[in-house]
Amino acid sequence: MLLKDFYEVQLIDKVSDTKYFATIILNEKHEVFKGHFPGNPVTPGVCMMQIIKELTQEVTGFSLQLKSSNNVKFMALINPEETPELRLELEILPNEDEVKVKNTTSFGETVALKLSNTYKKI
């Protein structure tokens, strides 16, 4: 975990050969939220991208480096005080040298993030 105590993984559930659901809980008291933004905490997009990478590494067992991101859409602000529990849907497609991931992150009925990432195995 790049940011110590930033989030806790509650569950990773494999639903098919390529599809996983993960539930995480954001730590609303983490230092990052004191500066992003004081009095109105918002989860940084780069932190969400790191969480997706870390979950993908956990599922695949590979160390990964981001190669490219496509169709990145931040659709709703994630305030950890109001909605600390997030559900991530991951479609993970590994091949010989890379791992492709399609992600949808949501809380309740709200979709907060959609993206497609390609990682290089390192």
Foldseek 3Di string as FASTA:
>chain_A
DVQPQQKDWPDWADPDPFKIKTKMFGDLPGPVQCVCPNPFGWDDPVVVVVVVQVVLCVVPVFNWDWDDKPPKDFDDTDRNVVFRMKMKMWGWDDDDFKIKIWIWIAGDPGTGITIITIIGGD
